[in-house]
Amino acid sequence: MDEDFSRSGHLDGFARDNLPPRESWPALDLAATGLSYPERLNVVSELVDRHLAEGRGDRLAVIGPEENWSYAGLAETVNRIANVLTRDLGLVPGNRVLLRAANTPMMVAAYLAVLKAGGVAVATMPMLRAGELAYPIRKARIALALCDHRVVADLQATQALVPEFSTIVTWGDGALEGLMAQAGYENFTAADTAQDDVCLIAFTSGTTGEPKGTMHFQRDLLAICDTYGARVLKASPDDRFIGSPPLAFTFGLGGIVLFPLRIGAAIVLPEKTAPADLMLAIEEHRASVCFTAPTAYRAMLAQIEGRDLSSLRICVSAGESLPKATFEAWQAKTGLPLLDGIGATEMLHIFIGAPREKIRPGSTGLPVPGYEAKIVDEAGEELPDGTPGRLAVRGPTGCRYLADPRQARYVENGWNITGDTYLRDADGYFWYQARSDDMIVSAGYNIAGPEVEACLLIHEAVAECGVVGAPCPERGQIVKAYVLLRAGFTADAALAKALQEHVKATIAPYKYPRAIAFVTSLPKTPTGKLQRFALREMARAEAAAAP
C-alpha cells in the first residue's frame, strides 16, 4: 500500500520528513493480512472513546495502587491532559513528547493523551540516566516532556545537555494536576490524524551504543491488537491484564495497554512488578492475563508455594528465549502453558507465537496470522527446513527507522531481518538458535555490550575492556566484563565492586556487569579490533566449568 502523506494530520512534519525512503521500507499488503482501517484514524478513538459511545463507559478500565478508573474516568483524564498539552503547552499535531514514569495509571493516561492530541509519544524507562536520555531527545527533536515527579531529576539534568529540551511538566506533585483541573477541559476532540501518521517513536537498546528510533503509525497500534491480540492471545473483555515490562518497551505497551483497551478489558498496574510483587497483585486483583519474561516466570516458580494464582488463564512469555524446562515447570505447577513469542521494537510486537491449542514446547511457534516468516542465508536466499539461518519476517508492521542509515541493514528485499538465528521445521514451527549480533539479553532486558564497555572505559582504573553475555540459568544471560587494568590498580573484589557501582551510577543500573574478570590481555584482530566472539566463547567455557 502506498502512503499519501498529503493526507497527513500533522502540522509539524518532522516525523514524516525523517521516515526512511519509501523504497527501503518492508513490503506491506495490508489487505492480504485481513486488516482494513479508515484513512482518517486516531487510535485513541478506537481504544477508549468507542467504548463510551457503545455504552461501556462504566466498565473498569484501570486498576492502580491508589485509584481505579472506569472507561469514562480514563477518557476524562486523557481529555484533560490532551487539553493541557494543546491549550497550555502549545502542542500541535506531529510534535514529539517524551514520557518518563513507571507503569502507573497516569503514565497510561499521558501516553493516550499525547496520541489523542496528534502528538508523537516517545516513552523512556525511568532507570535511564541523563546521558542516556539526551540521545533520544536530540534524535527526535523533543522540546516537551511529561514526567512523574519522583523520577524527574535525571530528566532535569538532561536540559543542560540539550538546551532545546525546554519544558518538563510533572505529575504527582500537583503541577500537571493543577492544569488538568481547569474548567472545560473534560472534553477533547481527537486530532484528525491519518492512519499512516507517525504516533510513536520507540527507541531500541542499540547494538553499538546508539539506539535506533523505530517509527510506528496510528494503524500499527491497532494492527498488533487485531493480529496477535485477536488471533493468538484471544482474550476476552472480562479479562484483567497484568505484567512487568515497562511501557517504554513495546512488549509492555502492547500487552499491558493496547490489547486490553482494544477489547474493553481491564489493566492492573501494581506499584511494584518484581516476581513476588507480581504474584501478590495477581492474587489481590484476580488478574487473568500475564505478560512477562521467562526469567520472571522462573523466579515466580521458586516462590509459588502458598500463592493463589488460580485467576490466571493466559500467560505470555517474551523478551528472551523461553527454555523448555521453564515451560514444563510452569505448566506442572499452574496447569497453564506459557505462550512463547518473539517480537521486536522494529515490528512493534510479537510476530511469531502459537495459540494455546498449537503450542509445541521448546518452539517459539508459528507466524502470527497476518505475518510471514522464513529462514534465509547471507545472500537472502531461503534455506530448506531444518537449516539454521537468519530470520526474515514481514506483515502489517515493520521497520521504519528515524533518519538512520541502518535501515538498509534491517530491511532486505522487502523483508525485516531481525538479527536472530532460527530454524524452521517441516511443520512450519520456528525454533530459536541464538542472537545474530552482540546484544546481551538478560532477564528480558536488551543490553548493548559496547555501551557498557564505553561506560567502564571512563573509569580511571580501566585501560581496556570487553563486555559480552555469559550463560546464566536464572537470567538467561548476565553481563560479563573482561577488564584490563591500568598500572597501579589492584585486581581484587573491592575494585570489581567499585566498577559495578560506577556503571550503575552512570547508565541504567540493570546494565551493570554482574561478573567481572580481570585479564592481562584481550583477544583482538590483527588490526586491533576487539574479538567479542572470542570473549563469548571464553564466557561459555567458564560457565560450563563452574561448579
Protein backbone atom coordinates (compact mmCIF):
# COMPACT_ATOMS: atom_id res chain seq x y z
CA MET A 1 0.00 0.00 0.00
CA ASP A 2 1.35 3.42 -0.95
CA GLU A 3 1.18 6.10 1.71
CA ASP A 4 -0.02 9.52 0.54
CA PHE A 5 1.37 11.92 3.11
CA SER A 6 -0.58 14.82 1.65
CA ARG A 7 -3.41 13.48 3.80
CA SER A 8 -1.37 13.81 7.00
CA GLY A 9 -2.93 15.47 10.01
CA HIS A 10 0.47 16.62 11.28
CA LEU A 11 1.27 20.33 11.30
CA ASP A 12 4.80 19.55 12.46
CA GLY A 13 6.21 17.41 9.64
CA PHE A 14 9.41 16.29 11.44
CA ALA A 15 8.40 12.63 11.82
CA ARG A 16 7.06 12.32 8.29
CA ASP A 17 10.10 14.06 6.82
CA ASN A 18 12.51 11.75 8.66
CA LEU A 19 10.98 8.46 7.61
CA PRO A 20 13.37 6.36 5.52
CA PRO A 21 13.00 6.44 1.72
CA ARG A 22 9.85 4.59 0.68
CA GLU A 23 11.82 2.05 -1.36
CA SER A 24 13.67 0.93 1.78
CA TRP A 25 10.51 0.08 3.73
CA PRO A 26 9.46 -3.54 4.24
CA ALA A 27 6.84 -4.81 1.83
CA LEU A 28 3.25 -4.35 3.00
CA ASP A 29 -0.02 -5.54 1.53
CA LEU A 30 -2.44 -4.61 4.30
CA ALA A 31 -5.44 -6.16 2.54
CA ALA A 32 -3.65 -9.53 2.40
CA THR A 33 -3.46 -9.55 6.19
CA GLY A 34 -7.23 -9.29 6.51
CA LEU A 35 -6.98 -5.83 8.10
CA SER A 36 -8.60 -2.60 6.99
CA TYR A 37 -8.60 0.83 8.63
CA PRO A 38 -10.18 4.14 7.62
CA GLU A 39 -7.98 6.80 6.07
CA ARG A 40 -8.70 9.18 8.96
CA LEU A 41 -7.77 7.40 12.17
CA ASN A 42 -6.92 8.41 15.72
CA VAL A 43 -6.10 5.29 17.67
CA VAL A 44 -7.47 6.64 20.98
CA SER A 45 -10.92 7.00 19.43
CA GLU A 46 -10.82 3.23 18.94
CA LEU A 47 -9.13 2.25 22.20
CA VAL A 48 -11.11 4.48 24.58
CA ASP A 49 -13.83 6.67 23.10
CA ARG A 50 -15.51 3.82 21.21
CA HIS A 51 -16.31 2.05 24.46
CA LEU A 52 -18.14 5.10 25.77
CA ALA A 53 -20.05 5.53 22.51
CA GLU A 54 -21.14 1.88 22.66
CA GLY A 55 -22.34 2.12 26.27
CA ARG A 56 -19.37 0.63 28.11
CA GLY A 57 -18.25 3.76 29.96
CA ASP A 58 -18.92 2.20 33.36
CA ARG A 59 -16.65 -0.82 32.71
CA LEU A 60 -13.50 -0.97 34.78
CA ALA A 61 -10.51 0.14 32.70
CA VAL A 62 -7.54 0.76 35.01
CA ILE A 63 -6.77 -0.66 38.47
CA GLY A 64 -3.93 1.17 40.21
CA PRO A 65 -2.39 1.29 43.68
CA GLU A 66 -4.42 4.35 44.67
CA GLU A 67 -7.12 4.79 42.03
CA ASN A 68 -9.41 2.77 39.81
CA TRP A 69 -10.78 4.29 36.61
CA SER A 70 -13.76 3.26 34.56
CA TYR A 71 -13.53 3.76 30.81
CA ALA A 72 -15.40 7.04 31.34
CA GLY A 73 -12.93 8.07 34.03
CA LEU A 74 -9.97 7.14 31.85
CA ALA A 75 -11.46 9.08 28.95
CA GLU A 76 -11.89 12.22 31.05
CA THR A 77 -8.34 12.00 32.40
CA VAL A 78 -6.98 11.59 28.87
CA ASN A 79 -9.06 14.53 27.67
CA ARG A 80 -7.84 16.79 30.45
CA ILE A 81 -4.20 16.01 29.73
CA ALA A 82 -4.78 16.48 25.98
CA ASN A 83 -6.24 19.91 26.67
CA VAL A 84 -3.25 20.83 28.80
CA LEU A 85 -0.93 19.72 26.00
CA THR A 86 -2.67 21.75 23.33
CA ARG A 87 -4.01 24.78 25.21
CA ASP A 88 -1.37 25.35 27.87
CA LEU A 89 1.77 23.80 26.39
CA GLY A 90 1.26 24.64 22.73
CA LEU A 91 1.45 21.13 21.29
CA VAL A 92 0.47 20.81 17.65
CA PRO A 93 -0.05 17.51 15.81
CA GLY A 94 3.30 15.97 14.96
CA ASN A 95 5.21 17.38 17.96
CA ARG A 96 7.13 14.77 19.92
CA VAL A 97 6.52 14.38 23.66
CA LEU A 98 8.83 12.45 25.97
CA LEU A 99 7.14 10.38 28.69
CA ARG A 100 9.00 9.19 31.79
CA ALA A 101 7.45 7.14 34.58
CA ALA A 102 6.93 3.66 35.89
CA ASN A 103 3.84 1.73 34.82
CA THR A 104 1.21 3.86 36.54
CA PRO A 105 -2.34 4.94 35.66
CA MET A 106 -1.09 8.48 34.92
CA MET A 107 1.58 7.12 32.58
CA VAL A 108 -1.12 5.28 30.62
CA ALA A 109 -3.34 8.38 30.52
CA ALA A 110 -0.45 10.64 29.47
CA TYR A 111 0.53 8.24 26.70
CA LEU A 112 -3.01 8.14 25.35
CA ALA A 113 -3.38 11.92 25.67
CA VAL A 114 -0.32 12.54 23.51
CA LEU A 115 -1.75 10.24 20.83
CA LYS A 116 -5.23 11.75 21.03
CA ALA A 117 -3.78 15.25 20.62
CA GLY A 118 -1.98 14.09 17.49
CA GLY A 119 1.45 14.10 19.10
CA VAL A 120 4.18 11.51 18.79
CA ALA A 121 4.89 9.63 22.02
CA VAL A 122 8.48 8.83 22.98
CA ALA A 123 8.38 6.77 26.18
CA THR A 124 11.54 6.20 28.20
CA MET A 125 12.38 3.93 31.11
CA PRO A 126 12.70 5.66 34.49
CA MET A 127 16.04 3.91 35.08
CA LEU A 128 17.80 5.83 32.29
CA ARG A 129 20.32 8.50 33.32
CA ALA A 130 20.73 11.99 31.87
CA GLY A 131 23.34 10.98 29.30
CA GLU A 132 21.16 8.14 28.05
CA LEU A 133 18.10 10.39 27.84
CA ALA A 134 19.93 13.03 25.84
CA TYR A 135 20.29 10.81 22.77
CA PRO A 136 16.58 10.20 22.01
CA ILE A 137 15.76 13.81 22.93
CA ARG A 138 18.28 15.09 20.36
CA LYS A 139 17.43 12.46 17.76
CA ALA A 140 13.67 13.05 17.92
CA ARG A 141 14.00 16.83 18.44
CA ILE A 142 11.93 16.80 21.62
CA ALA A 143 11.13 20.03 23.46
CA LEU A 144 8.44 18.84 25.89
CA ALA A 145 8.18 16.07 28.48
CA LEU A 146 5.55 14.79 30.90
CA CYS A 147 7.16 13.07 33.88
CA ASP A 148 6.35 11.52 37.24
CA HIS A 149 7.85 13.92 39.79
CA ARG A 150 9.60 11.02 41.54
CA VAL A 151 11.90 10.42 38.57
CA VAL A 152 12.39 13.95 37.26
CA ALA A 153 15.95 14.62 38.49
CA ASP A 154 17.80 12.88 35.65
CA LEU A 155 15.43 14.43 33.13
CA GLN A 156 16.13 17.90 34.51
CA ALA A 157 19.86 17.20 34.28
CA THR A 158 19.37 16.44 30.59
CA GLN A 159 18.32 20.06 29.95
CA ALA A 160 21.92 21.16 30.46
CA LEU A 161 22.96 18.72 27.72
CA VAL A 162 20.14 19.55 25.28
CA PRO A 163 19.18 23.24 25.63
CA GLU A 164 16.28 22.98 23.15
CA PHE A 165 14.64 20.49 25.53
CA SER A 166 12.84 23.32 27.26
CA THR A 167 9.73 22.15 29.10
CA ILE A 168 9.12 19.45 31.72
CA VAL A 169 5.71 19.16 33.36
CA THR A 170 5.47 16.80 36.32
CA TRP A 171 2.60 14.94 37.85
CA GLY A 172 2.21 13.59 41.37
CA ASP A 173 3.30 16.92 42.84
CA GLY A 174 0.24 18.83 41.66
CA ALA A 175 1.79 20.63 38.67
CA LEU A 176 0.06 18.74 35.84
CA GLU A 177 -2.98 18.05 38.01
CA GLY A 178 -3.49 21.78 38.60
CA LEU A 179 -3.58 22.44 34.87
CA MET A 180 -5.87 19.47 34.27
CA ALA A 181 -8.44 20.79 36.76
CA GLN A 182 -9.32 23.82 34.64
CA ALA A 183 -12.96 24.27 33.66
CA GLY A 184 -13.92 22.99 30.23
CA TYR A 185 -11.06 20.52 30.00
CA GLU A 186 -13.21 17.40 30.44
CA ASN A 187 -13.92 17.05 26.70
CA PHE A 188 -11.46 16.87 23.81
CA THR A 189 -12.00 16.14 20.15
CA ALA A 190 -9.40 13.69 18.87
CA ALA A 191 -6.91 15.14 16.39
CA ASP A 192 -7.82 14.45 12.78
CA THR A 193 -4.86 12.23 12.01
CA ALA A 194 -4.33 9.85 9.12
CA GLN A 195 -3.91 6.11 9.57
CA ASP A 196 -0.31 6.47 8.35
CA ASP A 197 0.66 9.39 10.59
CA VAL A 198 3.52 8.52 12.94
CA CYS A 199 2.27 8.40 16.54
CA LEU A 200 5.07 6.53 18.31
CA ILE A 201 8.86 6.57 18.20
CA ALA A 202 10.18 3.64 20.23
CA PHE A 203 13.93 3.50 20.75
CA THR A 204 15.82 0.23 20.69
CA SER A 205 18.59 -0.60 23.14
CA GLY A 206 21.09 -0.49 20.27
CA THR A 207 23.94 -2.83 19.47
CA THR A 208 26.53 -0.08 19.04
CA GLY A 209 25.60 2.21 21.91
CA GLU A 210 23.38 4.36 19.67
CA PRO A 211 19.72 3.31 19.91
CA LYS A 212 17.56 3.37 16.80
CA GLY A 213 14.25 5.20 16.76
CA THR A 214 11.54 2.95 15.33
CA MET A 215 8.58 4.85 13.89
CA HIS A 216 5.07 3.44 14.05
CA PHE A 217 1.82 4.67 12.53
CA GLN A 218 -1.61 5.14 14.07
CA ARG A 219 -2.81 1.99 12.28
CA ASP A 220 0.15 -0.06 13.54
CA LEU A 221 -1.08 0.15 17.13
CA LEU A 222 -4.38 -1.39 16.07
CA ALA A 223 -2.75 -3.92 13.74
CA ILE A 224 -0.91 -5.70 16.57
CA CYS A 225 -4.18 -5.88 18.51
CA ASP A 226 -6.02 -7.29 15.53
CA THR A 227 -3.34 -9.87 14.67
CA TYR A 228 -1.53 -11.19 17.74
CA GLY A 229 -4.17 -9.95 20.18
CA ALA A 230 -7.20 -11.28 18.31
CA ARG A 231 -5.73 -14.31 16.53
CA VAL A 232 -3.25 -15.74 19.05
CA LEU A 233 -3.92 -14.28 22.52
CA LYS A 234 -7.73 -14.47 22.18
CA ALA A 235 -8.50 -12.71 25.47
CA SER A 236 -11.98 -11.52 26.46
CA PRO A 237 -13.44 -8.24 27.74
CA ASP A 238 -13.78 -9.84 31.17
CA ASP A 239 -10.03 -10.43 31.47
CA ARG A 240 -7.71 -8.40 33.68
CA PHE A 241 -4.25 -7.84 32.18
CA ILE A 242 -1.09 -7.55 34.26
CA GLY A 243 2.64 -7.66 33.56
CA SER A 244 6.11 -6.39 34.31
CA PRO A 245 7.55 -4.96 31.04
CA PRO A 246 7.89 -1.16 31.14
CA LEU A 247 5.58 0.77 28.82
CA ALA A 248 8.73 2.12 27.16
CA PHE A 249 9.15 -1.43 25.80
CA THR A 250 6.68 -2.11 23.02
CA PHE A 251 6.18 -5.58 24.56
CA GLY A 252 4.76 -3.83 27.62
CA LEU A 253 2.80 -1.22 25.67
CA GLY A 254 1.00 -3.86 23.65
CA GLY A 255 0.49 -6.46 26.34
CA ILE A 256 -0.48 -4.20 29.21
CA VAL A 257 -2.24 -1.29 27.48
CA LEU A 258 -3.21 -1.76 23.83
CA PHE A 259 -4.52 -5.33 23.91
CA PRO A 260 -6.86 -4.84 26.89
CA LEU A 261 -8.14 -1.46 25.72
CA ARG A 262 -8.87 -2.78 22.24
CA ILE A 263 -11.37 -5.29 23.65
CA GLY A 264 -12.65 -3.28 26.63
CA ALA A 265 -10.83 -5.32 29.30
CA ALA A 266 -9.14 -4.02 32.46
CA ILE A 267 -5.49 -3.14 33.14
CA VAL A 268 -3.89 -3.93 36.51
CA LEU A 269 -0.90 -1.68 37.34
CA PRO A 270 0.73 -2.66 40.64
CA GLU A 271 3.25 -0.28 42.19
CA LYS A 272 5.98 -2.92 42.02
CA THR A 273 6.39 -5.70 39.47
CA ALA A 274 9.20 -7.86 40.82
CA PRO A 275 8.13 -11.54 40.68
CA ALA A 276 6.94 -11.67 44.30
CA ASP A 277 5.05 -8.39 43.91
CA LEU A 278 3.53 -9.54 40.64
CA MET A 279 2.16 -12.69 42.28
CA LEU A 280 0.67 -10.66 45.14
CA ALA A 281 -1.04 -8.35 42.65
CA ILE A 282 -2.38 -11.31 40.65
CA GLU A 283 -3.88 -12.67 43.87
CA GLU A 284 -5.29 -9.36 45.07
CA HIS A 285 -6.84 -8.23 41.78
CA ARG A 286 -7.61 -11.64 40.28
CA ALA A 287 -5.60 -10.90 37.16
CA SER A 288 -6.15 -13.39 34.36
CA VAL A 289 -3.67 -12.46 31.58
CA CYS A 290 0.02 -12.03 32.41
CA PHE A 291 2.85 -10.68 30.25
CA THR A 292 6.42 -11.06 31.49
CA ALA A 293 9.81 -12.58 30.64
CA PRO A 294 10.93 -16.20 31.18
CA THR A 295 13.22 -15.02 33.97
CA ALA A 296 10.24 -13.75 35.94
CA TYR A 297 8.28 -16.97 35.45
CA ARG A 298 11.30 -18.91 36.73
CA ALA A 299 11.53 -16.62 39.76
CA MET A 300 7.81 -16.97 40.48
CA LEU A 301 8.12 -20.74 40.40
CA ALA A 302 10.60 -20.55 43.27
CA GLN A 303 8.09 -18.57 45.38
CA ILE A 304 4.80 -20.02 44.22
CA GLU A 305 4.01 -22.21 47.23
CA GLY A 306 1.09 -20.76 49.17
CA ARG A 307 0.18 -18.33 46.42
CA ASP A 308 -3.25 -18.36 44.79
CA LEU A 309 -2.75 -17.81 41.06
CA SER A 310 -5.94 -19.60 40.10
CA SER A 311 -7.31 -16.48 38.37
CA LEU A 312 -4.66 -16.75 35.66
CA ARG A 313 -5.76 -18.27 32.37
CA ILE A 314 -3.29 -16.85 29.80
CA CYS A 315 0.45 -16.38 30.39
CA VAL A 316 2.62 -14.82 27.68
CA SER A 317 6.41 -15.12 27.68
CA ALA A 318 8.68 -12.95 25.50
CA GLY A 319 11.72 -10.72 25.72
CA GLU A 320 14.18 -13.62 25.70
CA SER A 321 14.29 -17.28 24.75
CA LEU A 322 11.92 -19.49 26.77
CA PRO A 323 13.70 -22.65 27.98
CA LYS A 324 11.68 -25.82 27.62
CA ALA A 325 12.38 -26.63 31.28
CA THR A 326 10.73 -23.38 32.36
CA PHE A 327 7.72 -24.09 30.15
CA GLU A 328 7.32 -27.56 31.64
CA ALA A 329 7.85 -26.45 35.26
CA TRP A 330 5.30 -23.62 34.93
CA GLN A 331 2.73 -25.92 33.37
CA ALA A 332 3.32 -28.54 36.06
CA LYS A 333 2.77 -26.00 38.85
CA THR A 334 -0.11 -23.99 37.39
CA GLY A 335 -1.67 -26.23 34.75
CA LEU A 336 -1.12 -23.42 32.24
CA PRO A 337 1.10 -23.45 29.16
CA LEU A 338 3.28 -20.43 28.52
CA LEU A 339 2.57 -18.68 25.22
CA ASP A 340 6.07 -18.11 23.89
CA GLY A 341 6.67 -15.39 21.33
CA ILE A 342 9.26 -13.30 19.58
CA GLY A 343 8.78 -9.65 18.75
CA ALA A 344 10.99 -6.69 18.00
CA THR A 345 10.81 -2.96 18.60
CA GLU A 346 11.04 -2.57 14.84
CA MET A 347 7.98 -4.81 14.40
CA LEU A 348 6.16 -3.29 17.40
CA HIS A 349 5.11 -6.59 18.97
CA ILE A 350 5.06 -10.39 18.65
CA PHE A 351 5.08 -11.79 15.11
CA ILE A 352 5.79 -15.49 15.86
CA GLY A 353 3.89 -17.28 18.61
CA ALA A 354 1.49 -20.20 18.70
CA PRO A 355 -2.00 -20.04 20.21
CA ARG A 356 -2.65 -22.38 23.15
CA GLU A 357 -4.04 -25.20 21.02
CA LYS A 358 -0.97 -25.27 18.74
CA ILE A 359 1.93 -24.90 21.22
CA ARG A 360 4.99 -27.12 20.85
CA PRO A 361 7.20 -26.88 23.95
CA GLY A 362 10.63 -25.54 23.06
CA SER A 363 9.47 -23.90 19.85
CA THR A 364 8.71 -20.18 19.60
CA GLY A 365 5.72 -21.13 17.48
CA LEU A 366 4.16 -20.21 14.14
CA PRO A 367 3.95 -16.90 12.29
CA VAL A 368 1.12 -14.84 13.74
CA PRO A 369 -1.74 -14.83 11.19
CA GLY A 370 -1.13 -11.78 9.03
CA TYR A 371 2.67 -12.21 9.13
CA GLU A 372 5.02 -14.32 7.02
CA ALA A 373 8.41 -15.65 8.14
CA LYS A 374 11.22 -17.58 6.51
CA ILE A 375 14.86 -18.53 7.09
CA VAL A 376 17.42 -17.03 4.73
CA ASP A 377 21.16 -17.21 4.18
CA GLU A 378 23.55 -14.24 3.98
CA ALA A 379 22.54 -13.64 0.37
CA GLY A 380 18.84 -13.52 1.28
CA GLU A 381 18.05 -16.88 -0.32
CA GLU A 382 15.53 -19.06 1.50
CA LEU A 383 17.03 -22.07 3.26
CA PRO A 384 15.48 -25.53 3.44
CA ASP A 385 13.63 -26.60 6.58
CA GLY A 386 15.91 -27.79 9.35
CA THR A 387 18.75 -25.45 8.36
CA PRO A 388 19.68 -22.61 10.76
CA GLY A 389 19.80 -19.16 9.24
CA ARG A 390 18.66 -15.58 9.55
CA LEU A 391 15.05 -14.94 10.48
CA ALA A 392 13.18 -12.81 7.93
CA VAL A 393 9.64 -11.57 8.54
CA ARG A 394 7.06 -9.26 7.01
CA GLY A 395 3.49 -8.29 7.83
CA PRO A 396 1.27 -5.33 8.72
CA THR A 397 4.01 -3.72 10.85
CA GLY A 398 7.68 -3.28 10.06
CA CYS A 399 10.90 -1.35 10.38
CA ARG A 400 10.99 2.37 9.63
CA TYR A 401 13.97 3.91 11.39
CA LEU A 402 14.11 7.59 12.25
CA ALA A 403 16.74 9.13 9.92
CA ASP A 404 19.10 6.17 10.24
CA PRO A 405 21.26 4.51 7.56
CA ARG A 406 20.91 1.21 9.44
CA GLN A 407 17.50 0.88 7.75
CA ALA A 408 19.31 -0.73 4.82
CA ARG A 409 20.69 -3.45 7.08
CA TYR A 410 17.40 -4.30 8.77
CA VAL A 411 15.23 -4.43 5.63
CA GLU A 412 16.40 -6.58 2.72
CA ASN A 413 14.28 -7.13 -0.37
CA GLY A 414 11.16 -6.08 1.49
CA TRP A 415 11.76 -8.40 4.47
CA ASN A 416 12.66 -7.43 8.04
CA ILE A 417 15.87 -9.20 9.11
CA THR A 418 15.51 -9.40 12.88
CA GLY A 419 19.06 -10.30 13.91
CA ASP A 420 18.00 -13.71 15.24
CA THR A 421 19.18 -17.13 14.11
CA TYR A 422 16.34 -19.65 13.78
CA LEU A 423 15.44 -22.84 12.02
CA ARG A 424 12.02 -23.86 10.73
CA ASP A 425 10.86 -27.47 10.92
CA ALA A 426 8.83 -29.36 8.34
CA ASP A 427 5.58 -28.40 10.09
CA GLY A 428 6.35 -24.69 9.90
CA TYR A 429 7.34 -24.21 13.56
CA PHE A 430 10.22 -21.86 14.30
CA TRP A 431 12.97 -22.83 16.74
CA TYR A 432 15.29 -20.21 18.26
CA GLN A 433 19.03 -20.82 18.00
CA ALA A 434 20.83 -17.61 19.04
CA ARG A 435 21.11 -13.87 18.59
CA SER A 436 22.94 -12.87 15.45
CA ASP A 437 24.62 -9.81 16.94
CA ASP A 438 26.33 -8.63 20.10
CA MET A 439 23.18 -7.89 22.08
CA ILE A 440 23.01 -9.33 25.57
CA VAL A 441 19.53 -10.42 26.66
CA SER A 442 19.40 -10.60 30.45
CA ALA A 443 16.16 -11.17 32.33
CA GLY A 444 14.24 -9.78 29.36
CA TYR A 445 16.36 -6.61 29.05
CA ASN A 446 18.33 -5.92 25.89
CA ILE A 447 21.77 -4.61 26.81
CA ALA A 448 24.35 -3.44 24.28
CA GLY A 449 27.80 -4.69 25.26
CA PRO A 450 29.60 -1.74 23.60
CA GLU A 451 27.62 0.72 25.72
CA VAL A 452 28.77 -0.97 28.95
CA GLU A 453 32.32 -1.03 27.60
CA ALA A 454 32.18 2.72 26.95
CA CYS A 455 30.97 3.29 30.50
CA LEU A 456 33.74 1.18 32.05
CA LEU A 457 36.39 2.89 29.97
CA ILE A 458 35.75 6.25 31.59
CA HIS A 459 36.76 4.81 34.99
CA GLU A 460 40.32 5.72 35.93
CA ALA A 461 41.27 2.09 36.65
CA VAL A 462 40.26 0.66 33.26
CA ALA A 463 42.72 0.55 30.38
CA GLU A 464 40.74 -1.74 28.08
CA CYS A 465 37.68 -3.94 28.38
CA GLY A 466 35.30 -6.21 26.52
CA VAL A 467 31.70 -6.93 27.53
CA VAL A 468 29.68 -9.96 26.44
CA GLY A 469 26.80 -12.12 27.63
CA ALA A 470 27.63 -15.11 29.79
CA PRO A 471 25.19 -18.03 30.21
CA CYS A 472 23.10 -17.90 33.38
CA PRO A 473 20.38 -20.43 34.32
CA GLU A 474 18.34 -17.83 36.20
CA ARG A 475 18.59 -14.81 33.88
CA GLY A 476 19.32 -16.42 30.53
CA GLN A 477 22.47 -14.32 30.28
CA ILE A 478 24.36 -11.95 32.52
CA VAL A 479 26.61 -9.07 31.54
CA LYS A 480 30.23 -10.12 31.97
CA ALA A 481 33.12 -7.69 31.64
CA TYR A 482 36.71 -8.65 30.88
CA VAL A 483 38.85 -5.81 32.21
CA LEU A 484 42.49 -4.89 31.62
CA LEU A 485 43.62 -2.52 34.38
CA ARG A 486 45.90 0.48 34.25
CA ALA A 487 49.18 0.33 36.13
CA GLY A 488 48.87 1.00 39.83
CA PHE A 489 45.48 -0.63 40.36
CA THR A 490 44.91 -3.96 42.11
CA ALA A 491 42.62 -6.60 40.64
CA ASP A 492 40.52 -7.52 43.67
CA ALA A 493 36.93 -7.82 44.82
CA ALA A 494 36.87 -4.24 46.09
CA LEU A 495 37.78 -2.85 42.68
CA ALA A 496 35.28 -5.13 40.96
CA LYS A 497 32.58 -3.78 43.27
CA ALA A 498 33.69 -0.20 42.58
CA LEU A 499 33.45 -0.76 38.83
CA GLN A 500 29.97 -2.21 39.18
CA GLU A 501 28.83 0.78 41.23
CA HIS A 502 30.39 3.12 38.66
CA VAL A 503 28.30 1.56 35.89
CA LYS A 504 25.13 1.68 37.98
CA ALA A 505 25.65 5.37 38.66
CA THR A 506 26.43 6.27 35.04
CA ILE A 507 23.94 4.31 32.94
CA ALA A 508 20.75 2.36 33.74
CA PRO A 509 21.55 0.10 36.72
CA TYR A 510 20.24 -3.08 35.06
CA LYS A 511 23.11 -2.85 32.57
CA TYR A 512 25.88 -3.29 35.13
CA PRO A 513 28.26 -6.27 34.78
CA ARG A 514 27.24 -8.93 37.26
CA ALA A 515 30.57 -10.66 36.65
CA ILE A 516 33.96 -9.01 36.19
CA ALA A 517 37.09 -10.90 35.15
CA PHE A 518 40.43 -9.11 35.35
CA VAL A 519 42.70 -10.12 32.45
CA THR A 520 46.19 -9.27 31.22
CA SER A 521 45.17 -9.07 27.54
CA LEU A 522 42.10 -9.09 25.31
CA PRO A 523 41.63 -11.05 22.07
CA LYS A 524 41.98 -8.77 19.04
CA THR A 525 42.15 -8.91 15.29
CA PRO A 526 45.45 -8.08 13.52
CA THR A 527 44.09 -4.57 13.04
CA GLY A 528 43.47 -4.17 16.77
CA LYS A 529 39.70 -4.68 16.88
CA LEU A 530 38.22 -6.48 19.88
CA GLN A 531 37.09 -10.03 19.10
CA ARG A 532 33.89 -10.31 21.09
CA PHE A 533 33.17 -13.76 19.70
CA ALA A 534 36.33 -15.00 21.44
CA LEU A 535 35.18 -13.45 24.70
CA ARG A 536 31.78 -15.10 24.30
CA GLU A 537 33.49 -18.44 23.85
CA MET A 538 35.54 -17.79 27.00
CA ALA A 539 32.40 -16.88 28.92
CA ARG A 540 30.62 -20.05 27.80
CA ALA A 541 33.60 -22.23 28.72
CA GLU A 542 33.94 -20.60 32.14
CA ALA A 543 30.24 -21.03 32.83
CA ALA A 544 30.40 -24.70 31.81
CA ALA A 545 33.39 -25.29 34.07
CA ALA A 546 31.85 -23.56 37.07
CA PRO A 547 30.69 -25.90 39.88
